[in-house]
N, C-alpha and C. Protein backbone atom coordinates (compact mmCIF):
# COMPACT_ATOMS: atom_id res chain seq x y z
N MET A 1 11.22 44.65 -151.85
CA MET A 1 10.28 44.31 -150.75
C MET A 1 10.76 43.02 -150.08
N MET A 2 11.09 42.00 -150.93
CA MET A 2 11.46 40.68 -150.44
C MET A 2 12.75 40.80 -149.64
N GLU A 3 13.70 41.60 -150.10
CA GLU A 3 14.92 41.84 -149.38
C GLU A 3 14.68 42.30 -147.98
N ASN A 4 13.77 43.40 -147.85
CA ASN A 4 13.48 44.00 -146.61
C ASN A 4 12.78 43.07 -145.63
N LEU A 5 12.03 42.11 -146.10
CA LEU A 5 11.33 41.09 -145.22
C LEU A 5 12.38 40.08 -144.85
N LEU A 6 13.26 39.73 -145.64
CA LEU A 6 14.38 38.82 -145.37
C LEU A 6 15.39 39.47 -144.33
N LEU A 7 15.60 40.72 -144.51
CA LEU A 7 16.52 41.50 -143.65
C LEU A 7 15.85 41.53 -142.13
N ALA A 8 14.50 41.83 -142.20
CA ALA A 8 13.76 41.91 -140.93
C ALA A 8 13.76 40.57 -140.21
N THR A 9 13.51 39.54 -140.90
CA THR A 9 13.42 38.17 -140.25
C THR A 9 14.81 37.83 -139.67
N THR A 10 15.69 38.21 -140.47
CA THR A 10 17.19 37.90 -139.98
C THR A 10 17.49 38.65 -138.74
N VAL A 11 17.05 39.96 -138.71
CA VAL A 11 17.37 40.76 -137.49
C VAL A 11 16.47 40.22 -136.33
N VAL A 12 15.28 39.76 -136.57
CA VAL A 12 14.59 39.19 -135.44
C VAL A 12 15.17 37.89 -134.99
N ASP A 13 15.71 37.06 -135.90
CA ASP A 13 16.38 35.93 -135.47
C ASP A 13 17.62 36.21 -134.79
N LEU A 14 18.42 37.14 -135.20
CA LEU A 14 19.67 37.56 -134.49
C LEU A 14 19.24 38.01 -132.88
N LEU A 15 18.26 38.80 -132.84
CA LEU A 15 17.86 39.27 -131.59
C LEU A 15 17.31 37.95 -130.69
N ALA A 16 16.62 37.17 -131.31
CA ALA A 16 16.30 35.91 -130.50
C ALA A 16 17.40 35.11 -129.97
N VAL A 17 18.41 34.97 -130.97
CA VAL A 17 19.60 34.13 -130.67
C VAL A 17 20.44 34.97 -129.47
N ALA A 18 20.54 36.29 -129.62
CA ALA A 18 21.19 37.13 -128.62
C ALA A 18 20.47 36.96 -127.28
N GLY A 19 19.12 37.06 -127.31
CA GLY A 19 18.37 36.89 -126.07
C GLY A 19 18.55 35.43 -125.45
N LEU A 20 18.64 34.37 -126.16
CA LEU A 20 18.67 33.12 -125.77
C LEU A 20 20.22 33.02 -125.04
N ALA A 21 21.17 33.46 -125.87
CA ALA A 21 22.61 33.55 -125.33
C ALA A 21 22.68 34.16 -124.01
N TRP A 22 22.07 35.43 -123.94
CA TRP A 22 22.00 36.17 -122.62
C TRP A 22 21.44 35.29 -121.58
N LEU A 23 20.18 34.62 -121.77
CA LEU A 23 19.48 33.87 -120.72
C LEU A 23 20.44 32.72 -120.32
N VAL A 24 21.14 32.04 -121.27
CA VAL A 24 22.08 30.82 -120.94
C VAL A 24 23.16 31.41 -120.15
N MET A 25 23.78 32.50 -120.50
CA MET A 25 24.86 33.16 -119.68
C MET A 25 24.34 33.48 -118.32
N ARG A 26 23.15 34.06 -118.16
CA ARG A 26 22.70 34.47 -116.83
C ARG A 26 22.44 33.36 -116.01
N SER A 27 21.75 32.25 -116.58
CA SER A 27 21.47 31.07 -115.70
C SER A 27 22.73 30.31 -115.37
N GLY A 28 23.76 30.45 -116.08
CA GLY A 28 25.05 29.82 -115.80
C GLY A 28 25.68 30.55 -114.62
N ARG A 29 25.62 31.96 -114.69
CA ARG A 29 26.11 32.76 -113.49
C ARG A 29 25.43 32.51 -112.18
N GLU A 30 23.94 32.40 -112.41
CA GLU A 30 23.18 32.12 -111.23
C GLU A 30 23.49 30.68 -110.59
N ARG A 31 23.71 29.74 -111.47
CA ARG A 31 24.09 28.38 -111.03
C ARG A 31 25.32 28.49 -110.32
N GLU A 32 26.35 29.13 -110.81
CA GLU A 32 27.68 29.26 -110.10
C GLU A 32 27.49 29.87 -108.88
N LEU A 33 26.81 30.93 -108.74
CA LEU A 33 26.56 31.58 -107.41
C LEU A 33 25.87 30.75 -106.51
N ALA A 34 24.91 29.88 -106.98
CA ALA A 34 24.17 28.99 -106.06
C ALA A 34 25.12 27.88 -105.63
N LEU A 35 25.96 27.39 -106.54
CA LEU A 35 26.96 26.31 -106.13
C LEU A 35 27.96 27.00 -105.11
N ALA A 36 28.33 28.21 -105.23
CA ALA A 36 29.29 28.96 -104.34
C ALA A 36 28.60 28.97 -102.89
N ASP A 37 27.31 29.36 -102.91
CA ASP A 37 26.61 29.40 -101.65
C ASP A 37 26.47 28.13 -100.97
N GLN A 38 26.21 27.07 -101.83
CA GLN A 38 26.07 25.65 -101.31
C GLN A 38 27.47 25.37 -100.70
N ARG A 39 28.58 25.59 -101.37
CA ARG A 39 29.84 25.20 -100.89
C ARG A 39 30.16 25.87 -99.54
N LEU A 40 29.80 27.15 -99.45
CA LEU A 40 29.96 27.80 -98.15
C LEU A 40 29.15 27.18 -97.15
N ALA A 41 27.95 26.94 -97.47
CA ALA A 41 27.07 26.25 -96.35
C ALA A 41 27.63 24.85 -95.99
N LEU A 42 28.15 24.17 -96.91
CA LEU A 42 28.72 22.84 -96.78
C LEU A 42 30.00 22.90 -95.78
N GLU A 43 30.88 23.93 -96.02
CA GLU A 43 31.98 24.06 -95.26
C GLU A 43 31.61 24.50 -93.79
N LYS A 44 30.62 25.33 -93.76
CA LYS A 44 30.01 25.81 -92.39
C LYS A 44 29.48 24.59 -91.61
N LEU A 45 28.80 23.74 -92.27
CA LEU A 45 28.14 22.57 -91.73
C LEU A 45 29.27 21.54 -91.22
N ARG A 46 30.28 21.43 -92.12
CA ARG A 46 31.44 20.51 -91.78
C ARG A 46 32.13 20.96 -90.51
N GLY A 47 32.31 22.25 -90.45
CA GLY A 47 32.92 22.93 -89.25
C GLY A 47 32.06 22.69 -87.96
N GLU A 48 30.75 22.93 -88.14
CA GLU A 48 29.77 22.61 -86.97
C GLU A 48 29.76 21.15 -86.67
N LEU A 49 29.96 20.28 -87.64
CA LEU A 49 29.80 18.86 -87.37
C LEU A 49 31.12 18.59 -86.51
N GLY A 50 32.24 19.10 -87.11
CA GLY A 50 33.46 18.75 -86.40
C GLY A 50 33.50 19.18 -84.93
N THR A 51 32.87 20.46 -84.59
CA THR A 51 32.75 20.89 -83.34
C THR A 51 31.82 20.03 -82.55
N LEU A 52 30.80 19.50 -83.10
CA LEU A 52 29.86 18.62 -82.35
C LEU A 52 30.53 17.40 -82.11
N LEU A 53 31.28 16.80 -82.88
CA LEU A 53 32.03 15.51 -82.74
C LEU A 53 32.98 15.74 -81.61
N GLU A 54 33.72 16.78 -81.62
CA GLU A 54 34.73 17.16 -80.52
C GLU A 54 34.08 17.15 -79.22
N ASP A 55 32.86 17.90 -79.15
CA ASP A 55 32.08 18.04 -77.94
C ASP A 55 31.65 16.65 -77.50
N ALA A 56 31.11 15.80 -78.32
CA ALA A 56 30.61 14.53 -78.02
C ALA A 56 31.75 13.59 -77.53
N GLU A 57 32.97 13.69 -78.14
CA GLU A 57 34.04 12.90 -77.67
C GLU A 57 34.53 13.39 -76.29
N GLU A 58 34.54 14.66 -76.17
CA GLU A 58 34.90 15.20 -74.82
C GLU A 58 33.94 14.72 -73.63
N ARG A 59 32.65 14.87 -74.11
CA ARG A 59 31.59 14.31 -72.98
C ARG A 59 31.65 12.82 -72.82
N GLY A 60 32.15 11.97 -73.83
CA GLY A 60 32.26 10.59 -73.68
C GLY A 60 33.60 10.38 -72.76
N ARG A 61 34.51 11.17 -72.90
CA ARG A 61 35.70 10.95 -72.20
C ARG A 61 35.42 11.32 -70.68
N SER A 62 34.67 12.48 -70.52
CA SER A 62 34.29 12.97 -69.23
C SER A 62 33.44 11.86 -68.47
N LEU A 63 32.38 11.37 -69.16
CA LEU A 63 31.63 10.31 -68.58
C LEU A 63 32.47 9.07 -68.26
N GLU A 64 33.39 8.82 -69.10
CA GLU A 64 34.18 7.55 -68.78
C GLU A 64 35.04 7.88 -67.57
N ARG A 65 35.62 8.97 -67.40
CA ARG A 65 36.26 9.37 -66.14
C ARG A 65 35.46 9.34 -64.93
N MET A 66 34.23 9.84 -64.98
CA MET A 66 33.24 9.85 -63.94
C MET A 66 32.95 8.40 -63.65
N LEU A 67 32.66 7.63 -64.59
CA LEU A 67 32.20 6.30 -64.22
C LEU A 67 33.33 5.50 -63.61
N GLY A 68 34.63 5.69 -64.08
CA GLY A 68 35.78 5.10 -63.51
C GLY A 68 35.91 5.56 -62.07
N ALA A 69 35.87 6.85 -61.68
CA ALA A 69 35.92 7.29 -60.40
C ALA A 69 34.77 6.69 -59.64
N ARG A 70 33.52 6.58 -60.22
CA ARG A 70 32.42 6.03 -59.32
C ARG A 70 32.74 4.52 -59.13
N GLU A 71 33.17 3.92 -60.05
CA GLU A 71 33.46 2.42 -59.88
C GLU A 71 34.54 2.26 -58.75
N GLN A 72 35.66 3.10 -58.74
CA GLN A 72 36.56 2.98 -57.78
C GLN A 72 36.03 3.18 -56.46
N SER A 73 35.14 4.28 -56.26
CA SER A 73 34.53 4.59 -55.07
C SER A 73 33.62 3.33 -54.56
N LEU A 74 33.04 2.78 -55.33
CA LEU A 74 32.03 1.78 -54.99
C LEU A 74 32.83 0.54 -54.66
N ARG A 75 33.84 0.29 -55.32
CA ARG A 75 34.65 -0.84 -54.97
C ARG A 75 35.35 -0.68 -53.51
N ALA A 76 35.72 0.63 -53.32
CA ALA A 76 36.31 0.92 -51.95
C ALA A 76 35.25 0.73 -50.93
N LEU A 77 34.03 1.14 -51.32
CA LEU A 77 32.98 0.99 -50.25
C LEU A 77 32.63 -0.34 -50.05
N MET A 78 32.60 -1.26 -51.09
CA MET A 78 32.34 -2.67 -50.99
C MET A 78 33.46 -3.34 -50.02
N ILE A 79 34.78 -2.97 -50.27
CA ILE A 79 35.78 -3.41 -49.40
C ILE A 79 35.63 -3.07 -48.05
N ASP A 80 35.22 -1.79 -47.77
CA ASP A 80 35.05 -1.29 -46.37
C ASP A 80 33.85 -1.96 -45.72
N LEU A 81 32.68 -2.21 -46.49
CA LEU A 81 31.57 -2.99 -46.00
C LEU A 81 31.92 -4.40 -45.78
N GLY A 82 32.75 -5.01 -46.53
CA GLY A 82 33.21 -6.35 -46.32
C GLY A 82 34.01 -6.45 -45.10
N ARG A 83 34.81 -5.58 -44.87
CA ARG A 83 35.61 -5.58 -43.53
C ARG A 83 34.77 -5.41 -42.34
N SER A 84 33.81 -4.36 -42.38
CA SER A 84 32.96 -4.08 -41.25
C SER A 84 31.96 -5.22 -40.94
N GLU A 85 31.54 -5.94 -41.86
CA GLU A 85 30.57 -7.02 -41.71
C GLU A 85 31.16 -8.29 -41.09
N GLY A 86 32.43 -8.36 -41.29
CA GLY A 86 33.02 -9.60 -40.70
C GLY A 86 33.04 -10.75 -41.81
N PRO A 87 33.01 -11.90 -41.37
CA PRO A 87 33.05 -13.02 -42.33
C PRO A 87 31.89 -12.78 -43.40
N ALA A 88 32.12 -13.12 -44.57
CA ALA A 88 31.31 -12.94 -45.75
C ALA A 88 30.22 -13.89 -45.67
N ARG A 89 28.97 -13.62 -46.07
CA ARG A 89 27.77 -14.41 -46.09
C ARG A 89 28.02 -15.43 -47.27
N PRO A 90 27.54 -16.61 -47.15
CA PRO A 90 27.70 -17.60 -48.30
C PRO A 90 26.69 -16.91 -49.48
N ALA A 91 27.24 -16.98 -50.54
CA ALA A 91 26.39 -16.56 -51.74
C ALA A 91 25.33 -17.45 -51.99
N ALA A 92 24.29 -16.97 -52.47
CA ALA A 92 23.11 -17.78 -52.88
C ALA A 92 23.35 -18.35 -54.13
N PRO A 93 22.89 -19.75 -54.20
CA PRO A 93 23.22 -20.37 -55.48
C PRO A 93 22.54 -19.76 -56.67
N GLU A 94 23.18 -19.64 -57.74
CA GLU A 94 22.70 -19.09 -58.90
C GLU A 94 21.67 -19.98 -59.51
N ARG A 95 20.49 -19.32 -59.91
CA ARG A 95 19.51 -19.93 -60.67
C ARG A 95 19.82 -19.86 -62.16
N PRO A 96 19.62 -20.87 -62.89
CA PRO A 96 19.92 -20.81 -64.34
C PRO A 96 18.83 -19.90 -64.85
N LEU A 97 19.27 -19.08 -65.94
CA LEU A 97 18.34 -18.13 -66.70
C LEU A 97 17.37 -18.88 -67.63
N VAL A 98 17.83 -20.05 -67.93
CA VAL A 98 17.04 -20.80 -68.90
C VAL A 98 16.63 -22.10 -68.24
N ARG A 99 15.38 -22.58 -68.23
CA ARG A 99 14.96 -23.83 -67.54
C ARG A 99 15.43 -25.01 -68.49
N PRO A 100 15.73 -26.01 -67.86
CA PRO A 100 16.10 -27.27 -68.61
C PRO A 100 15.04 -27.66 -69.59
N PHE A 101 15.37 -28.34 -70.57
CA PHE A 101 14.35 -28.65 -71.62
C PHE A 101 13.22 -29.52 -71.03
N ALA A 102 13.32 -30.45 -70.10
CA ALA A 102 12.40 -31.16 -69.69
C ALA A 102 11.37 -30.24 -68.74
N ALA A 103 11.90 -29.44 -67.97
CA ALA A 103 11.13 -28.55 -67.16
C ALA A 103 10.38 -27.53 -68.06
N ALA A 104 10.85 -27.28 -69.17
CA ALA A 104 10.01 -26.34 -70.10
C ALA A 104 8.85 -26.98 -70.73
N GLU A 105 8.83 -28.34 -70.82
CA GLU A 105 7.80 -29.08 -71.38
C GLU A 105 6.49 -29.24 -70.36
N THR A 106 6.75 -29.10 -69.08
CA THR A 106 5.62 -29.11 -68.20
C THR A 106 4.76 -28.03 -68.34
N THR A 107 3.52 -28.18 -67.78
CA THR A 107 2.52 -27.07 -67.95
C THR A 107 2.91 -25.94 -66.97
N PRO A 108 3.09 -24.69 -67.47
CA PRO A 108 3.45 -23.54 -66.57
C PRO A 108 2.34 -23.27 -65.72
N SER A 109 2.45 -22.64 -64.47
CA SER A 109 1.37 -22.23 -63.77
C SER A 109 1.09 -20.63 -63.84
N ASP A 110 2.09 -20.05 -64.50
CA ASP A 110 2.00 -18.47 -64.67
C ASP A 110 1.05 -18.34 -65.82
N PRO A 111 -0.05 -17.59 -65.49
CA PRO A 111 -1.02 -17.16 -66.51
C PRO A 111 -0.44 -16.46 -67.76
N ALA A 112 0.48 -15.58 -67.66
CA ALA A 112 1.04 -14.85 -68.55
C ALA A 112 1.86 -15.82 -69.61
N GLU A 113 2.56 -16.72 -68.93
CA GLU A 113 3.31 -17.74 -69.76
C GLU A 113 2.41 -18.64 -70.51
N LEU A 114 1.31 -18.91 -69.88
CA LEU A 114 0.31 -19.82 -70.65
C LEU A 114 -0.29 -19.03 -71.84
N ARG A 115 -0.56 -17.81 -71.67
CA ARG A 115 -1.04 -16.90 -72.77
C ARG A 115 0.00 -16.85 -73.90
N LEU A 116 1.22 -16.65 -73.43
CA LEU A 116 2.30 -16.51 -74.50
C LEU A 116 2.54 -17.82 -75.22
N ARG A 117 2.49 -18.87 -74.46
CA ARG A 117 2.64 -20.19 -75.14
C ARG A 117 1.39 -20.48 -76.18
N ARG A 118 0.25 -20.16 -75.76
CA ARG A 118 -0.81 -20.26 -76.56
C ARG A 118 -0.74 -19.50 -77.86
N GLU A 119 -0.38 -18.15 -77.78
CA GLU A 119 -0.17 -17.29 -78.82
C GLU A 119 0.94 -17.79 -79.67
N LEU A 120 2.00 -18.39 -79.12
CA LEU A 120 3.15 -18.93 -80.01
C LEU A 120 2.56 -20.18 -80.75
N ASP A 121 1.89 -21.02 -80.07
CA ASP A 121 1.25 -22.09 -80.83
C ASP A 121 0.36 -21.73 -81.82
N LEU A 122 -0.44 -20.73 -81.59
CA LEU A 122 -1.39 -20.21 -82.83
C LEU A 122 -0.51 -19.64 -83.89
N SER A 123 0.56 -18.87 -83.59
CA SER A 123 1.30 -18.33 -84.65
C SER A 123 1.90 -19.32 -85.54
N LEU A 124 2.29 -20.58 -84.86
CA LEU A 124 3.05 -21.50 -85.60
C LEU A 124 2.05 -22.56 -86.24
N GLY A 125 0.66 -22.36 -85.96
CA GLY A 125 -0.21 -23.13 -86.58
C GLY A 125 -0.41 -24.40 -85.77
N ARG A 126 0.05 -24.61 -84.64
CA ARG A 126 -0.10 -25.85 -83.81
C ARG A 126 -1.18 -25.64 -82.89
N GLY A 127 -1.65 -24.62 -82.50
CA GLY A 127 -2.62 -24.30 -81.46
C GLY A 127 -4.15 -24.46 -81.92
N ARG A 128 -4.97 -24.41 -80.97
CA ARG A 128 -6.50 -24.40 -81.27
C ARG A 128 -7.03 -23.15 -80.67
N LEU A 129 -7.98 -22.62 -81.21
CA LEU A 129 -8.68 -21.51 -80.75
C LEU A 129 -9.74 -21.99 -79.73
N ALA A 130 -9.53 -21.69 -78.41
CA ALA A 130 -10.66 -22.08 -77.44
C ALA A 130 -10.32 -21.41 -76.19
């Protein structure tokens, strides 16, 4: 009786080991198939990305050519306008983009600039609420 029980448990153990081995092999095959699918998708995406990059480069070259042509036509137009107007008008003196330091210290008359300065002083901790 004891031998039969030992034989039965051994058979059950062997069946369990065989089942586990089958599951491991099956999951390995499924993983390999999934990896193959992912590799195919990656190759497809690489091809599409290459196509997109080529299209973008072609569009960039096309835009560069169009802008070059536009620039040439505008320069030719400016030359024609300069000839038709006669003597060139004196250019207006350029205003500096940044005011000198002494001018920046005076009280501005622009309400938006006043508000910005007040907010800046508040954020720096130098201003007063009022």
